[in-house]
Amino acid sequence: MSFDNLLLERDGASAIVTINRPKVLNALNSQTVDELRRAMLDLKRDDEVRVIVVTGAGDKSFVAGADINELAVQTPTGGREHALAGQHVFDVIENLGKPVIAAINGFALGGGCELAMACTLRIAADSARLGQPEINLGLIPGYAGTQRLPRLVGKGKAMEMILTGAPIGADEALRIGLVNRVVPAAELMTEARKLAAQLAASAPIALRYIINAVNKGMEMPFAEACQYEATLFGLVASTDDMRDGTKAFLEKRKAEFKGR
């Protein structure tokens, strides 16, 4: 597939998706969001790709937000459709069934923070800044920021970040659980690729079921979620990967997971 605003690179069983609009700090316009949708669905279908890393071009910005030129002319009906379209793409990313790692190399503001939160895991450069500054434009987050942020960091901190619009640094993002790791900026992609390679060596069906169990289970009553987990456990117990994984452990060798 060819893209105007994305770069796609293969690294073994990992794919690196780079949002490539550095002149506007990788701001998300409608075309870029749609290209993300097409890229993610293509990678979902590619059995050779087990993990995806998402980052931004340059060293200043992951994604600095939505394209303000598009936001400024939204109508009530158009604004709703604009938000729903972005929410759909980020839902695809969150529920891709393959781990998606956000390598946050700079500003992750507005739609950029929402994109990072839709990813499975987040690694931030020590220079990164994250936030939901929509209030400063007379807006609210529209790509599910009001929903994912409190689920990640708690209601109180999410309210503070969204109501004030003030961004936070990488260390504070780590402290409140918004990111999983903080690394020196020069080491960001090395660490992201290393984590991707580690996950790519794991059993892909088990990875998919873990993502499903956590994402869907968080929206269910606890007892119902436990039943769902048990069902997925039973399904994964039927896989060749489980057979080889348990056998390899007993034989003190490395398992070779085939995704079946």
Protein backbone atom coordinates (compact mmCIF):
# COMPACT_ATOMS: atom_id res chain seq x y z
CA MET A 1 0.00 0.00 0.00
CA SER A 2 1.14 3.55 -0.70
CA PHE A 3 0.56 6.48 1.66
CA ASP A 4 1.07 10.22 1.47
CA ASN A 5 1.35 10.85 5.21
CA LEU A 6 2.69 7.57 6.61
CA LEU A 7 5.93 5.64 6.32
CA LEU A 8 5.80 1.86 6.71
CA GLU A 9 8.86 -0.22 7.56
CA ARG A 10 9.24 -3.93 8.27
CA ASP A 11 11.67 -5.12 10.95
CA GLY A 12 11.44 -8.88 11.19
CA ALA A 13 8.05 -9.72 12.66
CA SER A 14 7.49 -6.07 13.60
CA ALA A 15 6.15 -3.19 11.53
CA ILE A 16 7.05 0.46 12.16
CA VAL A 17 4.37 2.99 11.21
CA THR A 18 5.63 6.58 11.18
CA ILE A 19 3.25 9.52 10.90
CA ASN A 20 5.13 11.65 8.41
CA ARG A 21 3.97 15.28 8.49
CA PRO A 22 6.90 16.88 10.35
CA LYS A 23 6.26 20.37 8.95
CA VAL A 24 3.01 20.48 10.95
CA LEU A 25 4.37 18.43 13.87
CA ASN A 26 2.60 15.33 12.48
CA ALA A 27 -0.86 16.79 13.07
CA LEU A 28 -3.72 14.42 12.28
CA ASN A 29 -5.88 15.52 9.40
CA SER A 30 -8.68 13.38 7.99
CA GLN A 31 -6.46 11.89 5.32
CA THR A 32 -3.85 10.81 7.85
CA VAL A 33 -6.46 9.23 10.11
CA ASP A 34 -7.87 7.30 7.15
CA GLU A 35 -4.38 6.20 6.10
CA LEU A 36 -3.84 4.93 9.65
CA ARG A 37 -7.05 2.93 9.35
CA ARG A 38 -5.99 1.35 6.07
CA ALA A 39 -2.47 0.61 7.31
CA MET A 40 -3.64 -0.99 10.55
CA LEU A 41 -6.23 -3.18 8.86
CA ASP A 42 -3.62 -4.31 6.33
CA LEU A 43 -1.15 -5.15 9.11
CA LYS A 44 -3.87 -6.96 11.03
CA ARG A 45 -4.37 -9.29 8.08
CA ASP A 46 -0.62 -9.85 7.58
CA ASP A 47 0.28 -13.01 9.51
CA GLU A 48 4.00 -12.22 9.21
CA VAL A 49 3.53 -9.08 11.31
CA ARG A 50 3.05 -9.79 15.02
CA VAL A 51 3.74 -6.37 16.60
CA ILE A 52 3.37 -2.78 15.40
CA VAL A 53 5.24 0.33 16.56
CA VAL A 54 3.69 3.76 15.92
CA THR A 55 5.83 6.90 16.08
CA GLY A 56 6.15 10.37 14.57
CA ALA A 57 8.64 11.73 12.05
CA GLY A 58 11.37 14.00 13.38
CA ASP A 59 12.44 14.53 16.97
CA LYS A 60 9.91 17.17 18.05
CA SER A 61 6.53 15.52 17.85
CA PHE A 62 4.75 12.19 18.01
CA VAL A 63 1.48 13.85 17.01
CA ALA A 64 0.90 17.43 18.12
CA GLY A 65 -2.88 17.17 17.78
CA ALA A 66 -5.58 17.41 15.17
CA ASP A 67 -5.34 19.65 12.13
CA ILE A 68 -6.72 22.98 13.38
CA ASN A 69 -7.62 24.05 9.85
CA GLU A 70 -10.13 21.21 9.71
CA LEU A 71 -11.45 21.78 13.23
CA ALA A 72 -12.05 25.48 12.65
CA VAL A 73 -14.70 24.86 9.99
CA GLN A 74 -16.62 22.01 11.61
CA THR A 75 -20.40 22.17 11.79
CA PRO A 76 -22.35 20.40 14.57
CA THR A 77 -23.23 17.47 12.31
CA GLY A 78 -19.82 17.41 10.66
CA GLY A 79 -18.07 17.64 14.02
CA ARG A 80 -19.92 14.61 15.32
CA GLU A 81 -19.07 12.59 12.22
CA HIS A 82 -15.44 13.77 12.42
CA ALA A 83 -15.20 12.55 16.02
CA LEU A 84 -16.88 9.22 15.28
CA ALA A 85 -14.54 8.57 12.35
CA GLY A 86 -11.48 9.14 14.53
CA GLN A 87 -12.93 7.07 17.35
CA HIS A 88 -13.50 4.19 14.93
CA VAL A 89 -9.87 4.20 13.78
CA PHE A 90 -8.54 4.34 17.34
CA ASP A 91 -10.89 1.50 18.31
CA VAL A 92 -9.37 -0.53 15.46
CA ILE A 93 -5.91 0.13 16.90
CA GLU A 94 -6.92 -0.71 20.46
CA ASN A 95 -8.60 -3.96 19.44
CA LEU A 96 -6.27 -4.97 16.62
CA GLY A 97 -5.46 -8.29 18.27
CA LYS A 98 -1.74 -7.54 17.92
CA PRO A 99 0.28 -5.41 20.35
CA VAL A 100 0.65 -1.82 19.16
CA ILE A 101 3.45 0.15 20.84
CA ALA A 102 3.41 3.95 20.83
CA ALA A 103 6.96 5.31 20.68
CA ILE A 104 6.28 8.86 21.86
CA ASN A 105 9.15 10.96 20.55
CA GLY A 106 7.92 14.44 21.48
CA PHE A 107 4.60 16.25 21.70
CA ALA A 108 1.60 13.93 22.10
CA LEU A 109 -1.20 16.44 22.45
CA GLY A 110 -4.93 16.24 21.73
CA GLY A 111 -5.42 13.62 19.06
CA GLY A 112 -1.80 12.57 19.55
CA CYS A 113 -2.38 11.73 23.20
CA GLU A 114 -5.59 9.95 22.20
CA LEU A 115 -3.69 7.93 19.59
CA ALA A 116 -1.06 6.94 22.15
CA MET A 117 -3.75 5.88 24.63
CA ALA A 118 -5.37 3.67 21.98
CA CYS A 119 -2.09 1.76 21.65
CA THR A 120 -1.46 -1.31 23.77
CA LEU A 121 1.73 0.00 25.38
CA ARG A 122 3.44 3.40 25.49
CA ILE A 123 7.17 4.18 25.63
CA ALA A 124 8.01 7.87 25.95
CA ALA A 125 11.21 9.77 25.30
CA ASP A 126 12.30 11.75 28.34
CA SER A 127 11.59 14.91 26.30
CA ALA A 128 7.97 13.95 25.54
CA ARG A 129 5.01 16.09 26.56
CA LEU A 130 1.50 14.66 26.77
CA GLY A 131 -1.85 16.34 27.25
CA GLN A 132 -5.39 17.14 26.13
CA PRO A 133 -5.37 20.89 25.44
CA GLU A 134 -8.68 21.05 23.55
CA ILE A 135 -10.19 23.31 26.23
CA ASN A 136 -7.88 26.08 25.01
CA LEU A 137 -9.64 25.94 21.63
CA GLY A 138 -13.11 25.93 23.14
CA LEU A 139 -13.39 22.22 22.38
CA ILE A 140 -13.38 18.89 24.18
CA PRO A 141 -11.43 15.77 23.23
CA GLY A 142 -13.23 13.98 20.42
CA TYR A 143 -11.26 10.80 19.76
CA ALA A 144 -12.29 9.16 23.08
CA GLY A 145 -9.85 11.12 25.23
CA THR A 146 -12.52 11.75 27.88
CA GLN A 147 -12.99 7.98 28.12
CA ARG A 148 -9.53 6.41 27.79
CA LEU A 149 -7.68 8.92 29.96
CA PRO A 150 -9.68 8.30 33.17
CA ARG A 151 -9.48 4.57 32.56
CA LEU A 152 -5.70 4.83 32.46
CA VAL A 153 -4.92 7.41 35.15
CA GLY A 154 -8.10 7.70 37.23
CA LYS A 155 -10.95 10.19 37.16
CA GLY A 156 -9.35 12.93 39.26
CA LYS A 157 -6.11 13.27 37.32
CA ALA A 158 -7.93 12.94 34.00
CA MET A 159 -10.32 15.74 34.99
CA GLU A 160 -7.39 17.98 35.90
CA MET A 161 -5.56 17.34 32.63
CA ILE A 162 -8.63 17.82 30.43
CA LEU A 163 -10.10 20.81 32.28
CA THR A 164 -6.84 22.76 32.49
CA GLY A 165 -5.42 21.62 29.16
CA ALA A 166 -1.95 21.71 30.71
CA PRO A 167 0.48 19.14 29.28
CA ILE A 168 2.64 16.97 31.51
CA GLY A 169 6.19 15.73 31.09
CA ALA A 170 7.24 12.16 30.53
CA ASP A 171 8.21 11.51 34.15
CA GLU A 172 4.81 12.67 35.41
CA ALA A 173 3.11 10.58 32.71
CA LEU A 174 5.02 7.56 34.00
CA ARG A 175 4.12 8.33 37.61
CA ILE A 176 0.40 8.44 36.93
CA GLY A 177 0.40 5.41 34.62
CA LEU A 178 -0.18 7.21 31.32
CA VAL A 179 2.99 5.68 29.85
CA ASN A 180 4.69 2.38 30.64
CA ARG A 181 8.33 3.44 30.29
CA VAL A 182 10.46 6.55 29.88
CA VAL A 183 13.81 6.31 28.11
CA PRO A 184 16.40 8.81 26.85
CA ALA A 185 15.23 10.30 23.56
CA ALA A 186 18.23 8.93 21.66
CA GLU A 187 17.32 5.40 22.78
CA LEU A 188 13.58 5.54 22.13
CA MET A 189 13.37 3.60 18.88
CA THR A 190 15.99 1.11 20.00
CA GLU A 191 13.94 0.34 23.10
CA ALA A 192 10.68 0.26 21.13
CA ARG A 193 12.14 -2.18 18.61
CA LYS A 194 13.56 -4.31 21.42
CA LEU A 195 10.17 -4.53 23.14
CA ALA A 196 8.49 -5.26 19.80
CA ALA A 197 10.93 -8.10 19.13
CA GLN A 198 10.29 -9.53 22.61
CA LEU A 199 6.53 -9.51 22.07
CA ALA A 200 6.87 -10.85 18.52
CA ALA A 201 8.59 -13.94 19.91
CA SER A 202 5.56 -14.70 22.10
CA ALA A 203 2.57 -16.83 21.15
CA PRO A 204 0.42 -14.61 18.89
CA ILE A 205 -2.90 -16.26 19.73
CA ALA A 206 -2.23 -15.86 23.44
CA LEU A 207 -1.26 -12.24 22.85
CA ARG A 208 -4.54 -11.62 21.02
CA TYR A 209 -6.60 -13.24 23.76
CA ILE A 210 -4.81 -11.28 26.48
CA ILE A 211 -5.60 -8.02 24.68
CA ASN A 212 -9.21 -9.12 24.20
CA ALA A 213 -9.58 -10.23 27.83
CA VAL A 214 -8.26 -6.96 29.24
CA ASN A 215 -10.03 -4.61 26.82
CA LYS A 216 -13.43 -6.29 26.88
CA GLY A 217 -13.22 -7.43 30.50
CA MET A 218 -12.78 -3.87 31.75
CA GLU A 219 -16.21 -3.03 30.35
CA MET A 220 -17.94 -6.04 31.98
CA PRO A 221 -19.04 -6.82 35.52
CA PHE A 222 -16.24 -8.71 37.30
CA ALA A 223 -17.95 -12.11 37.37
CA GLU A 224 -18.89 -11.87 33.69
CA ALA A 225 -15.34 -10.82 32.82
CA CYS A 226 -13.94 -13.84 34.65
CA GLN A 227 -16.26 -16.11 32.65
CA TYR A 228 -14.99 -14.47 29.46
CA GLU A 229 -11.39 -15.01 30.57
CA ALA A 230 -12.10 -18.68 31.29
CA THR A 231 -13.59 -19.13 27.82
CA LEU A 232 -10.50 -17.61 26.20
CA PHE A 233 -8.27 -19.78 28.42
CA GLY A 234 -10.12 -22.84 27.17
CA LEU A 235 -9.72 -21.75 23.55
CA VAL A 236 -5.99 -21.07 23.84
CA ALA A 237 -5.53 -24.45 25.53
CA SER A 238 -6.48 -26.06 22.21
CA THR A 239 -3.65 -24.42 20.23
CA ASP A 240 -0.46 -25.98 18.92
CA ASP A 241 1.39 -23.04 20.48
CA MET A 242 0.18 -24.06 23.95
CA ARG A 243 1.25 -27.65 23.33
CA ASP A 244 4.74 -26.61 22.22
CA GLY A 245 5.03 -23.93 24.91
CA THR A 246 4.31 -26.30 27.77
CA LYS A 247 6.40 -29.07 26.22
CA ALA A 248 9.32 -26.69 25.69
CA PHE A 249 9.16 -25.62 29.33
CA LEU A 250 9.32 -29.23 30.51
CA GLU A 251 12.13 -30.00 28.07
CA LYS A 252 14.04 -26.85 29.08
CA ARG A 253 14.17 -25.47 25.53
CA LYS A 254 12.85 -22.37 23.79
CA ALA A 255 9.35 -22.70 22.36
CA GLU A 256 8.72 -21.97 18.68
CA PHE A 257 5.32 -20.30 18.42
CA LYS A 258 3.67 -20.59 15.00
CA GLY A 259 0.40 -18.79 15.68
CA ARG A 260 -1.78 -21.88 15.40
